[in-house]
Amino acid sequence: MSGPSLEALHGAVSVVEGGLAIVAVALPGTHQVVIEAETRVGSRYEAPEDNGLSHFLEHVLYRGTPSYPTAFELAQAIEERGGELAAATSVDHGALTLTAPPQTAEELLPILADVYSRPLLVGLEAEKGIVREEILETLDDDGREIDPDNLVRALAFGDHPLGRPITGTLAQLDRFDRERLLGHHRAHYTSDGTVVAVAGPVDPERLTARVAAAFGSLPRGRRPAPSPPAEPDAPRFGYVPHTTSSQTSLRVAFRAPAESDPDEPATELLARILDDGMSTRLYRRICDELGLCYDVFTRFEAYEDAGLFELGADTAHENAAAVLEQMLVITADLRDAGPTPRELDKAKARLRWQLAEIADDPGAVAEYFGVEQLIGLARSPAARWAMMEAVTMDQVRAAAARLFDRRRCAVIASGRLRRGAQDRFVERLHRY
């Protein structure tokens, strides 16, 4: 039995006393229930000295609750009921996710709520060891940042919070203590800063009532009011030597529209025109025709008041200049001439398929509706598709002309560039 159609995929939204928002989506025929608690947290909402605190708090949530005071007892209680607990922190939101069999989901719900709202915040030193290993994966032997995603974000946004790494730094991690964790938890894990999304073979009305009762102890809070980043006025290039790497990691990024910007739908389609399958511009030219890379990718992330559009690839050191050239040529062609009608039609079709297929995955449904509610847009997949379907060729051309502006471009290379390559990269970027 398949899930509901795109048009039938709707969430029942309730906002209970205190401001807690609950979204419940019935998915008959699926075999798991996913309950996801979303909150406005992440590097976007951290002071410079607290960078990484949201991510560290996410880790410590697992360390115990009043009913299950150790990480082992907590994991055992969840797993012996067939459940699984996961968490993730992004730039501007965090998620705590319970996946459970339908028959034990309601029994596990209070445990999820306790982890979210009443963590003991113990075992800090052990958890610091785990997070320290995460951070070390992004550094070279000399302690320099080499992760291209962190590097390009820092280059594109500068000192703004959007440019900070989600994990923070080793020095910041060492300073985190229970008092800081408590303050961060009180500030962000609040009823009016939380959305709980439920998806699976559930009765939406019944589950909404259960969620409201389980999360009823959350305090009221205040929605963070982030300041937007300044508009860039010149292209930027950065190079980080990574002498032990077998390849150079290359990122070409553009400051992009925000979530609610009228150009956001067209920009999403541009990302798919560039790279969504093996017949797209990036893959066909760079991989298929020239054989410069095994793979390439495009990523578009829209935030509350800004966005970032990235092209990326890992390539042999001697090929880095050629890959950069092709990325700049391909995006300039889109800027100057726009896509073909066939490219736009294909991008729309693939987006519709991808929106429709989330109905087969309760986790994807819970994440979609939870994030949409959290950012205040609350669009159903069908409404999202209607926005995309309505995008015209002229709108895509206008979005491309705005997006692929030389002043908005930031290029980072991490690897081993040949002598003089840095100067040539900068010169080429200024001719974009």
Protein backbone atom coordinates (compact mmCIF):
# COMPACT_ATOMS: atom_id res chain seq x y z
CA MET A 1 0.00 0.00 0.00
CA SER A 2 1.49 3.35 -1.00
CA GLY A 3 1.37 6.60 0.89
CA PRO A 4 -0.89 9.53 0.06
CA SER A 5 -0.50 11.55 -3.13
CA LEU A 6 1.34 14.86 -3.15
CA GLU A 7 -1.95 16.74 -3.12
CA ALA A 8 -3.23 14.72 -0.16
CA LEU A 9 -0.09 15.17 1.97
CA HIS A 10 -1.21 17.69 4.59
CA GLY A 11 -0.35 18.27 8.21
CA ALA A 12 -2.84 19.02 10.96
CA VAL A 13 -1.31 22.00 12.80
CA SER A 14 -2.16 22.89 16.40
CA VAL A 15 -0.66 25.63 18.54
CA VAL A 16 -1.28 24.81 22.18
CA GLU A 17 -1.09 26.99 25.27
CA GLY A 18 2.41 28.40 25.65
CA GLY A 19 3.00 28.58 21.91
CA LEU A 20 4.10 24.99 21.25
CA ALA A 21 3.32 24.11 17.63
CA ILE A 22 2.41 20.50 16.78
CA VAL A 23 2.08 19.12 13.26
CA ALA A 24 0.63 15.64 12.77
CA VAL A 25 0.56 13.87 9.40
CA ALA A 26 -1.27 10.58 8.92
CA LEU A 27 0.57 8.15 6.62
CA PRO A 28 -1.53 5.00 6.35
CA GLY A 29 0.38 1.98 5.14
CA THR A 30 3.73 2.98 6.59
CA HIS A 31 5.31 0.94 9.38
CA GLN A 32 7.01 3.43 11.66
CA VAL A 33 6.18 6.58 13.55
CA VAL A 34 8.62 9.47 13.54
CA ILE A 35 8.36 12.25 16.12
CA GLU A 36 10.72 15.15 15.51
CA ALA A 37 11.21 18.11 17.86
CA GLU A 38 12.61 21.14 16.04
CA THR A 39 14.01 24.24 17.71
CA ARG A 40 15.65 27.50 16.69
CA VAL A 41 19.20 26.79 17.70
CA GLY A 42 22.57 26.50 15.98
CA SER A 43 25.60 28.60 15.15
CA ARG A 44 23.32 31.33 13.78
CA TYR A 45 22.04 32.02 17.30
CA GLU A 46 25.33 31.86 19.24
CA ALA A 47 27.62 34.56 20.57
CA PRO A 48 31.20 34.33 19.23
CA GLU A 49 32.47 32.92 22.53
CA ASP A 50 29.72 30.28 22.53
CA ASN A 51 30.18 29.06 18.97
CA GLY A 52 29.54 25.30 18.96
CA LEU A 53 27.46 25.34 22.15
CA SER A 54 24.25 24.28 20.34
CA HIS A 55 26.00 21.28 18.83
CA PHE A 56 27.59 20.30 22.15
CA LEU A 57 24.23 20.59 23.91
CA GLU A 58 22.71 18.27 21.30
CA HIS A 59 25.29 15.65 22.28
CA VAL A 60 24.76 16.08 26.02
CA LEU A 61 20.97 15.65 25.73
CA TYR A 62 21.63 11.93 25.35
CA ARG A 63 23.46 11.69 28.66
CA GLY A 64 20.42 11.08 30.84
CA THR A 65 17.09 12.25 32.25
CA PRO A 66 15.56 12.09 35.75
CA SER A 67 13.94 8.74 34.90
CA TYR A 68 16.96 7.32 33.06
CA PRO A 69 20.02 8.96 34.65
CA THR A 70 22.73 7.44 32.44
CA ALA A 71 23.27 7.31 28.69
CA PHE A 72 23.16 3.52 28.83
CA GLU A 73 19.86 3.37 30.74
CA LEU A 74 18.32 5.90 28.36
CA ALA A 75 19.45 4.03 25.25
CA GLN A 76 18.29 0.72 26.70
CA ALA A 77 14.81 2.07 27.52
CA ILE A 78 14.36 3.31 23.97
CA GLU A 79 15.94 0.43 22.11
CA GLU A 80 14.18 -2.38 24.01
CA ARG A 81 10.92 -0.82 22.80
CA GLY A 82 12.13 -0.88 19.21
CA GLY A 83 12.88 2.84 19.10
CA GLU A 84 15.83 4.89 17.96
CA LEU A 85 16.85 8.38 19.01
CA ALA A 86 18.86 10.70 16.77
CA ALA A 87 19.78 14.36 16.82
CA ALA A 88 21.31 16.91 14.48
CA THR A 89 22.33 20.55 14.62
CA SER A 90 22.46 22.81 11.58
CA VAL A 91 23.26 26.47 11.09
CA ASP A 92 19.84 27.71 12.17
CA HIS A 93 17.87 24.86 13.72
CA GLY A 94 18.26 21.63 15.64
CA ALA A 95 16.27 18.40 15.59
CA LEU A 96 15.75 15.61 18.12
CA THR A 97 14.13 12.67 16.36
CA LEU A 98 12.46 9.53 17.70
CA THR A 99 11.73 6.68 15.30
CA ALA A 100 9.53 3.94 16.75
CA PRO A 101 7.19 1.08 15.87
CA PRO A 102 3.55 2.22 15.82
CA GLN A 103 2.71 0.04 18.84
CA THR A 104 5.32 1.66 21.13
CA ALA A 105 5.43 5.25 19.83
CA GLU A 106 3.09 6.63 22.48
CA GLU A 107 4.99 4.80 25.23
CA LEU A 108 8.27 6.32 24.04
CA LEU A 109 6.91 9.84 23.59
CA PRO A 110 7.38 10.89 27.27
CA ILE A 111 11.00 9.71 27.11
CA LEU A 112 11.62 11.89 24.05
CA ALA A 113 10.00 14.84 25.82
CA ASP A 114 12.19 14.35 28.89
CA VAL A 115 15.36 14.20 26.78
CA TYR A 116 14.30 17.43 25.08
CA SER A 117 12.99 19.38 28.06
CA ARG A 118 14.63 17.88 31.19
CA PRO A 119 18.14 16.66 30.36
CA LEU A 120 20.47 16.13 33.29
CA LEU A 121 23.41 17.62 31.35
CA VAL A 122 25.98 15.27 32.86
CA GLY A 123 28.97 13.38 31.47
CA LEU A 124 30.41 16.54 29.95
CA GLU A 125 34.03 15.46 29.80
CA ALA A 126 33.26 12.18 28.05
CA GLU A 127 31.08 13.97 25.52
CA LYS A 128 33.76 16.61 24.96
CA GLY A 129 36.03 13.78 23.90
CA ILE A 130 33.52 12.69 21.25
CA VAL A 131 32.94 16.21 19.92
CA ARG A 132 36.69 16.86 19.98
CA GLU A 133 37.10 13.96 17.54
CA GLU A 134 34.44 15.52 15.28
CA ILE A 135 36.31 18.81 15.21
CA LEU A 136 39.68 17.14 14.60
CA GLU A 137 38.27 15.59 11.42
CA THR A 138 38.02 19.12 9.98
CA LEU A 139 41.63 20.11 10.85
CA ASP A 140 45.03 19.25 9.42
CA ASP A 141 48.04 18.11 11.45
CA ASP A 142 48.89 21.74 12.23
CA GLY A 143 45.41 22.49 13.58
CA ARG A 144 44.26 24.52 10.55
CA GLU A 145 40.69 24.33 9.31
CA ILE A 146 40.62 22.34 6.05
CA ASP A 147 36.94 21.42 5.77
CA PRO A 148 35.84 23.12 2.53
CA ASP A 149 32.25 23.63 3.68
CA ASN A 150 33.37 25.44 6.83
CA LEU A 151 35.96 27.42 4.86
CA VAL A 152 33.58 28.65 2.16
CA ARG A 153 30.92 29.62 4.69
CA ALA A 154 33.48 31.68 6.62
CA LEU A 155 34.68 33.31 3.41
CA ALA A 156 31.17 34.07 2.15
CA PHE A 157 29.80 35.50 5.42
CA GLY A 158 32.93 36.78 7.13
CA ASP A 159 32.48 37.54 10.84
CA HIS A 160 28.70 37.10 10.71
CA PRO A 161 27.29 34.14 12.72
CA LEU A 162 26.34 32.39 9.46
CA GLY A 163 30.04 32.06 8.77
CA ARG A 164 30.87 30.14 11.93
CA PRO A 165 31.33 26.35 12.04
CA ILE A 166 28.48 24.39 13.59
CA THR A 167 30.86 22.45 15.84
CA GLY A 168 32.81 25.47 17.07
CA THR A 169 36.52 25.18 17.85
CA LEU A 170 38.62 23.09 20.24
CA ALA A 171 39.37 26.13 22.40
CA GLN A 172 35.68 27.01 22.70
CA LEU A 173 34.73 23.41 23.43
CA ASP A 174 37.15 23.29 26.37
CA ARG A 175 35.41 26.28 27.99
CA PHE A 176 31.89 24.87 27.89
CA ASP A 177 30.49 23.94 31.30
CA ARG A 178 27.15 22.94 32.75
CA GLU A 179 26.19 26.51 33.58
CA ARG A 180 26.56 27.57 29.94
CA LEU A 181 24.62 24.54 28.77
CA LEU A 182 21.78 25.27 31.19
CA GLY A 183 21.57 28.89 30.03
CA HIS A 184 21.53 27.88 26.37
CA HIS A 185 18.90 25.23 27.00
CA ARG A 186 16.64 27.68 28.89
CA ALA A 187 16.98 30.27 26.12
CA HIS A 188 16.23 28.04 23.16
CA TYR A 189 14.35 24.91 24.23
CA THR A 190 11.10 26.75 24.90
CA SER A 191 7.44 26.18 24.07
CA ASP A 192 7.18 29.04 21.60
CA GLY A 193 10.52 28.15 20.01
CA THR A 194 9.65 24.49 19.42
CA VAL A 195 7.77 22.58 16.75
CA VAL A 196 6.97 18.88 17.23
CA ALA A 197 6.16 17.07 13.99
CA VAL A 198 4.65 13.56 13.94
CA ALA A 199 4.29 11.37 10.87
CA GLY A 200 3.27 7.76 10.38
CA PRO A 201 0.21 5.49 10.74
CA VAL A 202 -1.25 7.66 13.50
CA ASP A 203 -4.46 9.32 14.55
CA PRO A 204 -3.43 13.01 14.28
CA GLU A 205 -5.89 14.24 16.90
CA ARG A 206 -4.86 11.58 19.44
CA LEU A 207 -1.11 12.10 18.88
CA THR A 208 -1.45 15.87 19.06
CA ALA A 209 -3.04 15.54 22.51
CA ARG A 210 -0.29 13.15 23.64
CA VAL A 211 2.47 15.48 22.40
CA ALA A 212 0.87 18.50 24.09
CA ALA A 213 0.78 16.62 27.40
CA ALA A 214 4.33 15.27 27.09
CA PHE A 215 5.91 18.63 26.20
CA GLY A 216 3.72 20.65 28.56
CA SER A 217 6.60 21.48 30.93
CA LEU A 218 8.51 23.58 28.40
CA PRO A 219 8.85 27.19 29.56
CA ARG A 220 7.81 30.19 27.51
CA GLY A 221 10.61 31.88 25.67
CA ARG A 222 11.43 34.57 23.19
CA ARG A 223 12.10 34.01 19.51
CA PRO A 224 15.69 34.93 18.57
CA ALA A 225 15.98 37.98 16.36
CA PRO A 226 19.10 37.50 14.24
CA SER A 227 20.69 40.40 12.36
CA PRO A 228 21.11 39.95 8.60
CA PRO A 229 24.59 39.75 7.07
CA ALA A 230 25.90 42.70 5.08
CA GLU A 231 25.71 42.50 1.32
CA PRO A 232 29.04 41.58 -0.30
CA ASP A 233 30.70 44.20 -2.51
CA ALA A 234 33.58 42.21 -4.05
CA PRO A 235 34.49 38.61 -4.93
CA ARG A 236 36.59 36.68 -2.45
CA PHE A 237 39.20 33.93 -2.82
CA GLY A 238 40.75 31.77 -0.14
CA TYR A 239 43.40 29.05 -0.25
CA VAL A 240 44.32 26.64 2.52
CA PRO A 241 47.30 24.36 1.80
CA HIS A 242 46.60 20.72 2.62
CA THR A 243 49.83 18.97 1.80
CA THR A 244 48.73 15.46 2.75
CA SER A 245 45.55 15.50 0.66
CA SER A 246 45.41 13.50 -2.58
CA GLN A 247 42.94 15.99 -4.09
CA THR A 248 42.06 19.66 -3.96
CA SER A 249 38.59 20.44 -2.61
CA LEU A 250 37.03 23.31 -4.53
CA ARG A 251 33.96 25.35 -3.60
CA VAL A 252 32.42 28.15 -5.64
CA ALA A 253 29.73 29.88 -3.59
CA PHE A 254 27.32 32.75 -4.17
CA ARG A 255 25.34 34.71 -1.62
CA ALA A 256 21.77 33.70 -2.35
CA PRO A 257 18.13 34.61 -1.56
CA ALA A 258 16.51 34.02 1.83
CA GLU A 259 13.68 31.56 2.53
CA SER A 260 10.91 34.07 1.92
CA ASP A 261 12.56 35.92 -0.98
CA PRO A 262 10.50 35.95 -4.21
CA ASP A 263 13.56 34.58 -6.05
CA GLU A 264 13.89 31.54 -3.78
CA PRO A 265 11.78 29.15 -5.94
CA ALA A 266 13.65 30.07 -9.12
CA THR A 267 16.99 29.70 -7.32
CA GLU A 268 16.01 26.22 -6.16
CA LEU A 269 15.30 25.32 -9.78
CA LEU A 270 18.67 26.76 -10.83
CA ALA A 271 20.37 24.37 -8.42
CA ARG A 272 18.62 21.47 -10.12
CA ILE A 273 19.41 22.76 -13.59
CA LEU A 274 23.09 22.80 -12.69
CA ASP A 275 23.25 19.46 -10.88
CA ASP A 276 20.42 16.98 -10.41
CA GLY A 277 21.41 13.87 -12.30
CA MET A 278 24.00 12.98 -14.93
CA SER A 279 22.42 14.98 -17.76
CA THR A 280 22.84 18.36 -16.07
CA ARG A 281 25.29 21.08 -17.07
CA LEU A 282 27.90 20.54 -14.38
CA TYR A 283 28.15 16.76 -14.57
CA ARG A 284 27.95 16.56 -18.36
CA ARG A 285 30.74 19.09 -18.95
CA ILE A 286 33.12 18.55 -16.02
CA CYS A 287 32.76 14.81 -15.48
CA ASP A 288 31.38 13.23 -18.64
CA GLU A 289 33.09 15.30 -21.35
CA LEU A 290 36.33 16.46 -19.68
CA GLY A 291 36.83 13.73 -17.06
CA LEU A 292 38.11 16.24 -14.47
CA CYS A 293 36.18 14.86 -11.48
CA TYR A 294 34.43 11.74 -10.31
CA ASP A 295 31.47 13.84 -9.21
CA VAL A 296 30.27 17.41 -8.75
CA PHE A 297 27.45 18.87 -6.69
CA THR A 298 25.30 21.94 -6.19
CA ARG A 299 23.78 22.88 -2.84
CA PHE A 300 21.36 25.72 -2.04
CA GLU A 301 20.61 26.62 1.58
CA ALA A 302 18.12 29.39 2.31
CA TYR A 303 18.02 30.95 5.78
CA GLU A 304 15.73 33.49 7.38
CA ASP A 305 17.44 36.52 5.85
CA ALA A 306 20.13 35.22 3.49
CA GLY A 307 21.22 32.11 1.63
CA LEU A 308 24.21 30.33 0.17
CA PHE A 309 24.43 28.64 -3.22
CA GLU A 310 27.42 26.31 -3.65
CA LEU A 311 29.10 24.38 -6.43
CA GLY A 312 31.65 21.84 -5.26
CA ALA A 313 34.05 19.17 -6.41
CA ASP A 314 37.13 17.24 -5.36
CA THR A 315 39.72 16.91 -8.10
CA ALA A 316 43.38 16.17 -8.77
CA HIS A 317 45.51 19.13 -7.74
CA GLU A 318 46.59 19.82 -11.33
CA ASN A 319 42.94 19.93 -12.47
CA ALA A 320 41.70 22.49 -9.94
CA ALA A 321 42.15 25.49 -12.25
CA ALA A 322 40.29 23.76 -15.09
CA VAL A 323 37.39 22.81 -12.80
CA LEU A 324 37.12 26.38 -11.50
CA GLU A 325 37.13 27.67 -15.08
CA GLN A 326 34.28 25.39 -16.08
CA MET A 327 32.20 26.27 -13.01
CA LEU A 328 32.57 29.97 -13.74
CA VAL A 329 31.85 29.55 -17.46
CA ILE A 330 28.74 27.43 -16.84
CA THR A 331 27.26 29.77 -14.22
CA ALA A 332 28.08 32.82 -16.39
CA ASP A 333 26.24 31.20 -19.31
CA LEU A 334 23.18 30.75 -17.08
CA ARG A 335 23.53 34.34 -15.88
CA ASP A 336 23.73 35.77 -19.38
CA ALA A 337 21.36 33.49 -21.32
CA GLY A 338 19.33 31.53 -18.81
CA PRO A 339 18.42 27.85 -19.12
CA THR A 340 16.74 26.14 -22.03
CA PRO A 341 13.01 25.32 -21.79
CA ARG A 342 13.91 21.64 -21.70
CA GLU A 343 16.25 22.17 -18.72
CA LEU A 344 13.60 24.05 -16.80
CA ASP A 345 10.92 21.45 -17.52
CA LYS A 346 13.23 18.66 -16.38
CA ALA A 347 14.14 20.51 -13.15
CA LYS A 348 10.47 21.00 -12.34
CA ALA A 349 9.62 17.35 -13.05
CA ARG A 350 12.43 16.05 -10.83
CA LEU A 351 11.44 18.39 -8.03
CA ARG A 352 7.85 17.18 -8.18
CA TRP A 353 8.97 13.55 -8.05
CA GLN A 354 11.20 14.27 -5.06
CA LEU A 355 8.45 16.10 -3.21
CA ALA A 356 6.02 13.25 -3.89
CA GLU A 357 8.37 10.50 -2.76
CA ILE A 358 8.70 11.86 0.78
CA ALA A 359 5.22 10.39 1.37
CA ASP A 360 6.93 6.99 1.49
CA ASP A 361 9.22 8.06 4.36
CA PRO A 362 7.72 9.20 7.70
CA GLY A 363 11.10 10.67 8.68
CA ALA A 364 11.23 12.86 5.58
CA VAL A 365 7.62 13.94 6.13
CA ALA A 366 8.20 14.86 9.78
CA GLU A 367 11.33 16.82 8.88
CA TYR A 368 9.61 18.65 6.01
CA PHE A 369 6.57 19.76 8.00
CA GLY A 370 8.58 20.48 11.15
CA VAL A 371 11.05 22.79 9.42
CA GLU A 372 8.34 24.51 7.38
CA GLN A 373 6.40 25.28 10.56
CA LEU A 374 9.55 26.39 12.39
CA ILE A 375 10.52 28.93 9.73
CA GLY A 376 6.97 30.29 9.66
CA LEU A 377 6.06 29.37 6.08
CA ALA A 378 4.10 26.16 6.71
CA ARG A 379 3.76 25.21 3.04
CA SER A 380 2.43 21.76 2.21
CA PRO A 381 4.42 19.80 -0.41
CA ALA A 382 1.60 20.54 -2.87
CA ALA A 383 1.81 24.27 -2.12
CA ARG A 384 5.59 24.13 -2.49
CA TRP A 385 5.16 22.41 -5.84
CA ALA A 386 2.58 24.98 -6.98
CA MET A 387 5.16 27.72 -6.34
CA MET A 388 7.75 25.88 -8.41
CA GLU A 389 5.35 25.00 -11.21
CA ALA A 390 4.43 28.68 -11.59
CA VAL A 391 8.06 29.83 -12.07
CA THR A 392 8.56 31.22 -15.56
CA MET A 393 11.61 31.25 -17.82
CA ASP A 394 11.91 35.01 -17.31
CA GLN A 395 11.91 34.57 -13.52
CA VAL A 396 14.70 31.98 -13.72
CA ARG A 397 16.75 34.28 -15.97
CA ALA A 398 16.25 37.17 -13.54
CA ALA A 399 17.19 35.00 -10.54
CA ALA A 400 20.32 33.76 -12.35
CA ALA A 401 21.37 37.30 -13.23
CA ARG A 402 20.98 38.33 -9.59
CA LEU A 403 22.61 35.21 -8.13
CA PHE A 404 25.65 34.82 -10.38
CA ASP A 405 26.95 38.31 -9.71
CA ARG A 406 30.75 38.61 -9.42
CA ARG A 407 30.40 40.59 -6.18
CA ARG A 408 28.46 37.74 -4.57
CA CYS A 409 31.06 35.07 -5.40
CA ALA A 410 33.43 33.38 -2.95
CA VAL A 411 35.91 30.67 -4.01
CA ILE A 412 37.84 28.42 -1.65
CA ALA A 413 40.47 25.83 -2.49
CA SER A 414 41.89 23.37 0.03
CA GLY A 415 44.70 21.19 -1.26
CA ARG A 416 47.93 21.70 -3.22
CA LEU A 417 47.83 24.37 -5.91
CA ARG A 418 50.69 24.84 -8.34
CA ARG A 419 53.00 27.83 -8.05
CA GLY A 420 51.23 30.95 -9.23
CA ALA A 421 47.82 29.27 -9.29
CA GLN A 422 46.46 31.45 -6.50
CA ASP A 423 47.13 34.63 -8.49
CA ARG A 424 45.53 33.11 -11.59
CA PHE A 425 42.47 32.08 -9.55
CA VAL A 426 42.05 35.62 -8.24
CA GLU A 427 42.53 37.14 -11.68
CA ARG A 428 39.97 34.77 -13.22
CA LEU A 429 37.47 35.47 -10.46
CA HIS A 430 37.71 39.22 -11.06
CA ARG A 431 36.99 38.62 -14.77
CA TYR A 432 33.83 36.65 -13.97
